[in-house]
Every structure is written in structure tokens, then in C-alpha cells.
Amino acid sequence: MIKIHLSRIMGEQKLKISDVASMTGLHRNGITKLYNEETDGIKFETLEKLCTALNCDISDLLEIKNEEKPPK
């Protein structure tokens, strides 16, 4: 599973969704879905815009979390 850390990064930088939309030119609805981790995909262009605007690396924004499997 992929964890999106947009809400944490925005909180650290004291940014609102409207701020990120203005900084990136991305639509508020798309940012909101990423912020709430309710998306099933993201374009490379979107990743690039977010990382540039937030001054972070892709690894700061996204993390692969291993899902715990129940014991057999």
C-alpha cells in the first residue's frame, strides 16, 4: 500500500489546500483527494508540481508500506 504524506507536509509548512492549488495550478479537488488519501492514482506531472512547490522529494511525499498479513 502506498501512503501519501501530503497532509503532513502541508501541516509542517502551514499550507492550506487553496495555497497548494495556487502554487501548483492543480485543481483543489485533486489535491483534496491526495490530502485525504482517497485517490487510486497520480500523474507524474502532478508529483513533479507538488514536489517542486513543496520543496520536497518524491520519497518525502510517497511511502510504500507493507500490509501486515494475518498469521496462518
PDB file of N, CA and C in Angstrom:
ATOM      1  N   MET A   1       0.843  -1.168   0.000  1.00  0.00           N
ATOM      2  CA  MET A   1       0.000   0.000   0.000  1.00  0.00           C
ATOM      3  C   MET A   1       0.891   1.236   0.000  1.00  0.00           C
ATOM      4  N   ILE A   2       0.454   2.258  -0.704  1.00  0.00           N
ATOM      5  CA  ILE A   2       1.229   3.494  -0.778  1.00  0.00           C
ATOM      6  C   ILE A   2       0.589   4.536   0.131  1.00  0.00           C
ATOM      7  N   LYS A   3       1.399   5.105   1.003  1.00  0.00           N
ATOM      8  CA  LYS A   3       0.960   6.141   1.940  1.00  0.00           C
ATOM      9  C   LYS A   3       1.351   7.488   1.353  1.00  0.00           C
ATOM     10  N   ILE A   4       0.406   8.426   1.353  1.00  0.00           N
ATOM     11  CA  ILE A   4       0.650   9.770   0.835  1.00  0.00           C
ATOM     12  C   ILE A   4       0.806  10.713   2.022  1.00  0.00           C
ATOM     13  N   HIS A   5       1.921  11.401   2.091  1.00  0.00           N
ATOM     14  CA  HIS A   5       2.233  12.273   3.222  1.00  0.00           C
ATOM     15  C   HIS A   5       1.948  13.745   2.940  1.00  0.00           C
ATOM     16  N   LEU A   6       1.049  14.026   2.009  1.00  0.00           N
ATOM     17  CA  LEU A   6       0.754  15.412   1.652  1.00  0.00           C
ATOM     18  C   LEU A   6       0.211  16.190   2.841  1.00  0.00           C
ATOM     19  N   SER A   7      -0.685  15.602   3.605  1.00  0.00           N
ATOM     20  CA  SER A   7      -1.274  16.332   4.742  1.00  0.00           C
ATOM     21  C   SER A   7      -0.208  16.696   5.771  1.00  0.00           C
ATOM     22  N   ARG A   8       0.724  15.795   6.023  1.00  0.00           N
ATOM     23  CA  ARG A   8       1.805  16.072   6.982  1.00  0.00           C
ATOM     24  C   ARG A   8       2.700  17.200   6.491  1.00  0.00           C
ATOM     25  N   ILE A   9       3.088  17.129   5.226  1.00  0.00           N
ATOM     26  CA  ILE A   9       3.977  18.141   4.647  1.00  0.00           C
ATOM     27  C   ILE A   9       3.295  19.503   4.645  1.00  0.00           C
ATOM     28  N   MET A  10       2.031  19.522   4.249  1.00  0.00           N
ATOM     29  CA  MET A  10       1.293  20.785   4.244  1.00  0.00           C
ATOM     30  C   MET A  10       1.158  21.335   5.659  1.00  0.00           C
ATOM     31  N   GLY A  11       0.925  20.466   6.634  1.00  0.00           N
ATOM     32  CA  GLY A  11       0.830  20.907   8.024  1.00  0.00           C
ATOM     33  C   GLY A  11       2.128  21.506   8.526  1.00  0.00           C
ATOM     34  N   GLU A  12       3.239  20.867   8.193  1.00  0.00           N
ATOM     35  CA  GLU A  12       4.550  21.369   8.607  1.00  0.00           C
ATOM     36  C   GLU A  12       4.836  22.741   8.015  1.00  0.00           C
ATOM     37  N   GLN A  13       4.346  22.961   6.780  1.00  0.00           N
ATOM     38  CA  GLN A  13       4.589  24.235   6.097  1.00  0.00           C
ATOM     39  C   GLN A  13       3.437  25.219   6.302  1.00  0.00           C
ATOM     40  N   LYS A  14       2.449  24.814   7.105  1.00  0.00           N
ATOM     41  CA  LYS A  14       1.280  25.647   7.413  1.00  0.00           C
ATOM     42  C   LYS A  14       0.577  26.130   6.144  1.00  0.00           C
ATOM     43  N   LEU A  15       0.341  25.176   5.238  1.00  0.00           N
ATOM     44  CA  LEU A  15      -0.313  25.474   3.969  1.00  0.00           C
ATOM     45  C   LEU A  15      -1.713  24.888   3.941  1.00  0.00           C
ATOM     46  N   LYS A  16      -2.612  25.594   3.290  1.00  0.00           N
ATOM     47  CA  LYS A  16      -3.973  25.106   3.070  1.00  0.00           C
ATOM     48  C   LYS A  16      -4.053  24.535   1.657  1.00  0.00           C
ATOM     49  N   ILE A  17      -5.119  23.798   1.409  1.00  0.00           N
ATOM     50  CA  ILE A  17      -5.326  23.222   0.079  1.00  0.00           C
ATOM     51  C   ILE A  17      -5.371  24.334  -0.972  1.00  0.00           C
ATOM     52  N   SER A  18      -6.012  25.441  -0.643  1.00  0.00           N
ATOM     53  CA  SER A  18      -6.077  26.562  -1.594  1.00  0.00           C
ATOM     54  C   SER A  18      -4.690  27.132  -1.884  1.00  0.00           C
ATOM     55  N   ASP A  19      -3.810  27.130  -0.880  1.00  0.00           N
ATOM     56  CA  ASP A  19      -2.430  27.601  -1.090  1.00  0.00           C
ATOM     57  C   ASP A  19      -1.707  26.701  -2.090  1.00  0.00           C
ATOM     58  N   VAL A  20      -1.825  25.388  -1.895  1.00  0.00           N
ATOM     59  CA  VAL A  20      -1.146  24.435  -2.780  1.00  0.00           C
ATOM     60  C   VAL A  20      -1.733  24.511  -4.191  1.00  0.00           C
ATOM     61  N   ALA A  21      -3.041  24.700  -4.292  1.00  0.00           N
ATOM     62  CA  ALA A  21      -3.666  24.846  -5.610  1.00  0.00           C
ATOM     63  C   ALA A  21      -3.101  26.068  -6.330  1.00  0.00           C
ATOM     64  N   SER A  22      -2.949  27.164  -5.623  1.00  0.00           N
ATOM     65  CA  SER A  22      -2.384  28.385  -6.228  1.00  0.00           C
ATOM     66  C   SER A  22      -0.926  28.194  -6.621  1.00  0.00           C
ATOM     67  N   MET A  23      -0.174  27.514  -5.778  1.00  0.00           N
ATOM     68  CA  MET A  23       1.254  27.308  -6.029  1.00  0.00           C
ATOM     69  C   MET A  23       1.518  26.373  -7.203  1.00  0.00           C
ATOM     70  N   THR A  24       0.615  25.402  -7.413  1.00  0.00           N
ATOM     71  CA  THR A  24       0.867  24.355  -8.407  1.00  0.00           C
ATOM     72  C   THR A  24       0.030  24.477  -9.676  1.00  0.00           C
ATOM     73  N   GLY A  25      -1.100  25.166  -9.580  1.00  0.00           N
ATOM     74  CA  GLY A  25      -2.024  25.210 -10.713  1.00  0.00           C
ATOM     75  C   GLY A  25      -2.895  23.963 -10.792  1.00  0.00           C
ATOM     76  N   LEU A  26      -2.808  23.105  -9.779  1.00  0.00           N
ATOM     77  CA  LEU A  26      -3.618  21.884  -9.741  1.00  0.00           C
ATOM     78  C   LEU A  26      -4.997  22.221  -9.188  1.00  0.00           C
ATOM     79  N   HIS A  27      -5.984  21.408  -9.549  1.00  0.00           N
ATOM     80  CA  HIS A  27      -7.348  21.623  -9.097  1.00  0.00           C
ATOM     81  C   HIS A  27      -7.486  21.240  -7.627  1.00  0.00           C
ATOM     82  N   ARG A  28      -8.265  22.049  -6.891  1.00  0.00           N
ATOM     83  CA  ARG A  28      -8.467  21.804  -5.451  1.00  0.00           C
ATOM     84  C   ARG A  28      -8.999  20.399  -5.168  1.00  0.00           C
ATOM     85  N   ASN A  29      -9.920  19.914  -6.015  1.00  0.00           N
ATOM     86  CA  ASN A  29     -10.499  18.596  -5.774  1.00  0.00           C
ATOM     87  C   ASN A  29      -9.447  17.494  -5.822  1.00  0.00           C
ATOM     88  N   GLY A  30      -8.537  17.590  -6.764  1.00  0.00           N
ATOM     89  CA  GLY A  30      -7.464  16.598  -6.869  1.00  0.00           C
ATOM     90  C   GLY A  30      -6.534  16.642  -5.678  1.00  0.00           C
ATOM     91  N   ILE A  31      -6.198  17.836  -5.230  1.00  0.00           N
ATOM     92  CA  ILE A  31      -5.333  17.986  -4.059  1.00  0.00           C
ATOM     93  C   ILE A  31      -6.038  17.445  -2.811  1.00  0.00           C
ATOM     94  N   THR A  32      -7.334  17.724  -2.702  1.00  0.00           N
ATOM     95  CA  THR A  32      -8.109  17.240  -1.560  1.00  0.00           C
ATOM     96  C   THR A  32      -8.114  15.715  -1.510  1.00  0.00           C
ATOM     97  N   LYS A  33      -8.265  15.077  -2.672  1.00  0.00           N
ATOM     98  CA  LYS A  33      -8.251  13.612  -2.714  1.00  0.00           C
ATOM     99  C   LYS A  33      -6.892  13.070  -2.274  1.00  0.00           C
ATOM    100  N   LEU A  34      -5.819  13.706  -2.703  1.00  0.00           N
ATOM    101  CA  LEU A  34      -4.484  13.281  -2.275  1.00  0.00           C
ATOM    102  C   LEU A  34      -4.288  13.547  -0.789  1.00  0.00           C
ATOM    103  N   TYR A  35      -4.729  14.683  -0.327  1.00  0.00           N
ATOM    104  CA  TYR A  35      -4.606  15.072   1.082  1.00  0.00           C
ATOM    105  C   TYR A  35      -5.298  14.050   1.986  1.00  0.00           C
ATOM    106  N   ASN A  36      -6.472  13.593   1.554  1.00  0.00           N
ATOM    107  CA  ASN A  36      -7.253  12.634   2.331  1.00  0.00           C
ATOM    108  C   ASN A  36      -6.954  11.183   1.971  1.00  0.00           C
ATOM    109  N   GLU A  37      -5.976  10.971   1.092  1.00  0.00           N
ATOM    110  CA  GLU A  37      -5.579   9.635   0.625  1.00  0.00           C
ATOM    111  C   GLU A  37      -6.766   8.861   0.061  1.00  0.00           C
ATOM    112  N   GLU A  38      -7.551   9.537  -0.762  1.00  0.00           N
ATOM    113  CA  GLU A  38      -8.732   8.932  -1.370  1.00  0.00           C
ATOM    114  C   GLU A  38      -8.578   8.777  -2.882  1.00  0.00           C
ATOM    115  N   THR A  39      -7.369   8.708  -3.358  1.00  0.00           N
ATOM    116  CA  THR A  39      -7.127   8.586  -4.793  1.00  0.00           C
ATOM    117  C   THR A  39      -6.548   7.216  -5.110  1.00  0.00           C
ATOM    118  N   ASP A  40      -6.761   6.772  -6.335  1.00  0.00           N
ATOM    119  CA  ASP A  40      -6.209   5.476  -6.734  1.00  0.00           C
ATOM    120  C   ASP A  40      -5.093   5.623  -7.757  1.00  0.00           C
ATOM    121  N   GLY A  41      -4.666   6.861  -8.000  1.00  0.00           N
ATOM    122  CA  GLY A  41      -3.569   7.077  -8.927  1.00  0.00           C
ATOM    123  C   GLY A  41      -3.148   8.527  -8.930  1.00  0.00           C
ATOM    124  N   ILE A  42      -1.944   8.768  -9.473  1.00  0.00           N
ATOM    125  CA  ILE A  42      -1.415  10.129  -9.550  1.00  0.00           C
ATOM    126  C   ILE A  42      -0.501  10.215 -10.766  1.00  0.00           C
ATOM    127  N   LYS A  43      -0.608  11.298 -11.496  1.00  0.00           N
ATOM    128  CA  LYS A  43       0.220  11.502 -12.683  1.00  0.00           C
ATOM    129  C   LYS A  43       1.606  11.986 -12.273  1.00  0.00           C
ATOM    130  N   PHE A  44       2.587  11.650 -13.088  1.00  0.00           N
ATOM    131  CA  PHE A  44       3.955  12.108 -12.835  1.00  0.00           C
ATOM    132  C   PHE A  44       4.016  13.634 -12.813  1.00  0.00           C
ATOM    133  N   GLU A  45       3.278  14.274 -13.690  1.00  0.00           N
ATOM    134  CA  GLU A  45       3.259  15.741 -13.751  1.00  0.00           C
ATOM    135  C   GLU A  45       2.760  16.329 -12.426  1.00  0.00           C
ATOM    136  N   THR A  46       1.746  15.696 -11.847  1.00  0.00           N
ATOM    137  CA  THR A  46       1.213  16.145 -10.561  1.00  0.00           C
ATOM    138  C   THR A  46       2.256  15.982  -9.465  1.00  0.00           C
ATOM    139  N   LEU A  47       2.933  14.842  -9.441  1.00  0.00           N
ATOM    140  CA  LEU A  47       4.002  14.617  -8.463  1.00  0.00           C
ATOM    141  C   LEU A  47       5.090  15.678  -8.583  1.00  0.00           C
ATOM    142  N   GLU A  48       5.472  15.964  -9.814  1.00  0.00           N
ATOM    143  CA  GLU A  48       6.526  16.949 -10.048  1.00  0.00           C
ATOM    144  C   GLU A  48       6.107  18.328  -9.544  1.00  0.00           C
ATOM    145  N   LYS A  49       4.870  18.729  -9.846  1.00  0.00           N
ATOM    146  CA  LYS A  49       4.382  20.041  -9.410  1.00  0.00           C
ATOM    147  C   LYS A  49       4.330  20.126  -7.888  1.00  0.00           C
ATOM    148  N   LEU A  50       3.837  19.072  -7.246  1.00  0.00           N
ATOM    149  CA  LEU A  50       3.755  19.074  -5.784  1.00  0.00           C
ATOM    150  C   LEU A  50       5.142  19.122  -5.151  1.00  0.00           C
ATOM    151  N   CYS A  51       6.051  18.297  -5.634  1.00  0.00           N
ATOM    152  CA  CYS A  51       7.401  18.264  -5.067  1.00  0.00           C
ATOM    153  C   CYS A  51       8.124  19.591  -5.264  1.00  0.00           C
ATOM    154  N   THR A  52       7.947  20.199  -6.423  1.00  0.00           N
ATOM    155  CA  THR A  52       8.586  21.494  -6.692  1.00  0.00           C
ATOM    156  C   THR A  52       8.009  22.573  -5.774  1.00  0.00           C
ATOM    157  N   ALA A  53       6.689  22.641  -5.693  1.00  0.00           N
ATOM    158  CA  ALA A  53       6.041  23.683  -4.891  1.00  0.00           C
ATOM    159  C   ALA A  53       6.319  23.511  -3.401  1.00  0.00           C
ATOM    160  N   LEU A  54       6.356  22.262  -2.933  1.00  0.00           N
ATOM    161  CA  LEU A  54       6.538  21.989  -1.513  1.00  0.00           C
ATOM    162  C   LEU A  54       8.004  21.808  -1.136  1.00  0.00           C
ATOM    163  N   ASN A  55       8.884  21.909  -2.125  1.00  0.00           N
ATOM    164  CA  ASN A  55      10.324  21.769  -1.913  1.00  0.00           C
ATOM    165  C   ASN A  55      10.648  20.453  -1.198  1.00  0.00           C
ATOM    166  N   CYS A  56      10.144  19.356  -1.785  1.00  0.00           N
ATOM    167  CA  CYS A  56      10.383  18.037  -1.189  1.00  0.00           C
ATOM    168  C   CYS A  56      10.703  17.026  -2.292  1.00  0.00           C
ATOM    169  N   ASP A  57      11.172  15.867  -1.889  1.00  0.00           N
ATOM    170  CA  ASP A  57      11.441  14.774  -2.817  1.00  0.00           C
ATOM    171  C   ASP A  57      10.216  13.871  -2.890  1.00  0.00           C
ATOM    172  N   ILE A  58      10.147  13.073  -3.940  1.00  0.00           N
ATOM    173  CA  ILE A  58       9.041  12.124  -4.076  1.00  0.00           C
ATOM    174  C   ILE A  58       9.007  11.184  -2.865  1.00  0.00           C
ATOM    175  N   SER A  59      10.175  10.816  -2.369  1.00  0.00           N
ATOM    176  CA  SER A  59      10.221   9.906  -1.212  1.00  0.00           C
ATOM    177  C   SER A  59       9.672  10.566   0.055  1.00  0.00           C
ATOM    178  N   ASP A  60       9.652  11.892   0.117  1.00  0.00           N
ATOM    179  CA  ASP A  60       9.032  12.589   1.241  1.00  0.00           C
ATOM    180  C   ASP A  60       7.510  12.543   1.123  1.00  0.00           C
ATOM    181  N   LEU A  61       7.027  12.540  -0.110  1.00  0.00           N
ATOM    182  CA  LEU A  61       5.595  12.611  -0.390  1.00  0.00           C
ATOM    183  C   LEU A  61       4.927  11.235  -0.377  1.00  0.00           C
ATOM    184  N   LEU A  62       5.636  10.231  -0.889  1.00  0.00           N
ATOM    185  CA  LEU A  62       5.065   8.884  -1.003  1.00  0.00           C
ATOM    186  C   LEU A  62       5.915   7.871  -0.257  1.00  0.00           C
ATOM    187  N   GLU A  63       5.250   6.881   0.322  1.00  0.00           N
ATOM    188  CA  GLU A  63       5.952   5.812   1.034  1.00  0.00           C
ATOM    189  C   GLU A  63       5.221   4.493   0.794  1.00  0.00           C
ATOM    190  N   ILE A  64       5.983   3.449   0.521  1.00  0.00           N
ATOM    191  CA  ILE A  64       5.386   2.125   0.367  1.00  0.00           C
ATOM    192  C   ILE A  64       5.366   1.463   1.735  1.00  0.00           C
ATOM    193  N   LYS A  65       4.180   1.108   2.178  1.00  0.00           N
ATOM    194  CA  LYS A  65       4.003   0.426   3.461  1.00  0.00           C
ATOM    195  C   LYS A  65       3.598  -1.005   3.183  1.00  0.00           C
ATOM    196  N   ASN A  66       4.297  -1.936   3.776  1.00  0.00           N
ATOM    197  CA  ASN A  66       3.926  -3.344   3.644  1.00  0.00           C
ATOM    198  C   ASN A  66       2.689  -3.603   4.474  1.00  0.00           C
ATOM    199  N   GLU A  67       1.708  -4.228   3.845  1.00  0.00           N
ATOM    200  CA  GLU A  67       0.494  -4.571   4.574  1.00  0.00           C
ATOM    201  C   GLU A  67       0.780  -5.814   5.402  1.00  0.00           C
ATOM    202  N   GLU A  68       0.389  -5.753   6.645  1.00  0.00           N
ATOM    203  CA  GLU A  68       0.594  -6.897   7.528  1.00  0.00           C
ATOM    204  C   GLU A  68      -0.369  -7.996   7.155  1.00  0.00           C
ATOM    205  N   LYS A  69       0.171  -9.182   6.949  1.00  0.00           N
ATOM    206  CA  LYS A  69      -0.665 -10.336   6.629  1.00  0.00           C
ATOM    207  C   LYS A  69      -1.000 -11.081   7.915  1.00  0.00           C
ATOM    208  N   PRO A  70      -2.231 -11.503   8.069  1.00  0.00           N
ATOM    209  CA  PRO A  70      -2.582 -12.244   9.280  1.00  0.00           C
ATOM    210  C   PRO A  70      -1.824 -13.565   9.349  1.00  0.00           C
ATOM    211  N   PRO A  71      -1.445 -13.997  10.554  1.00  0.00           N
ATOM    212  CA  PRO A  71      -0.717 -15.267  10.687  1.00  0.00           C
ATOM    213  C   PRO A  71      -1.599 -16.448  10.236  1.00  0.00           C
ATOM    214  N   LYS A  72      -0.924 -17.440   9.664  1.00  0.00           N
ATOM    215  CA  LYS A  72      -1.668 -18.615   9.173  1.00  0.00           C
ATOM    216  C   LYS A  72      -1.852 -19.634  10.246  1.00  0.00           C
TER     217      LYS A  72
END
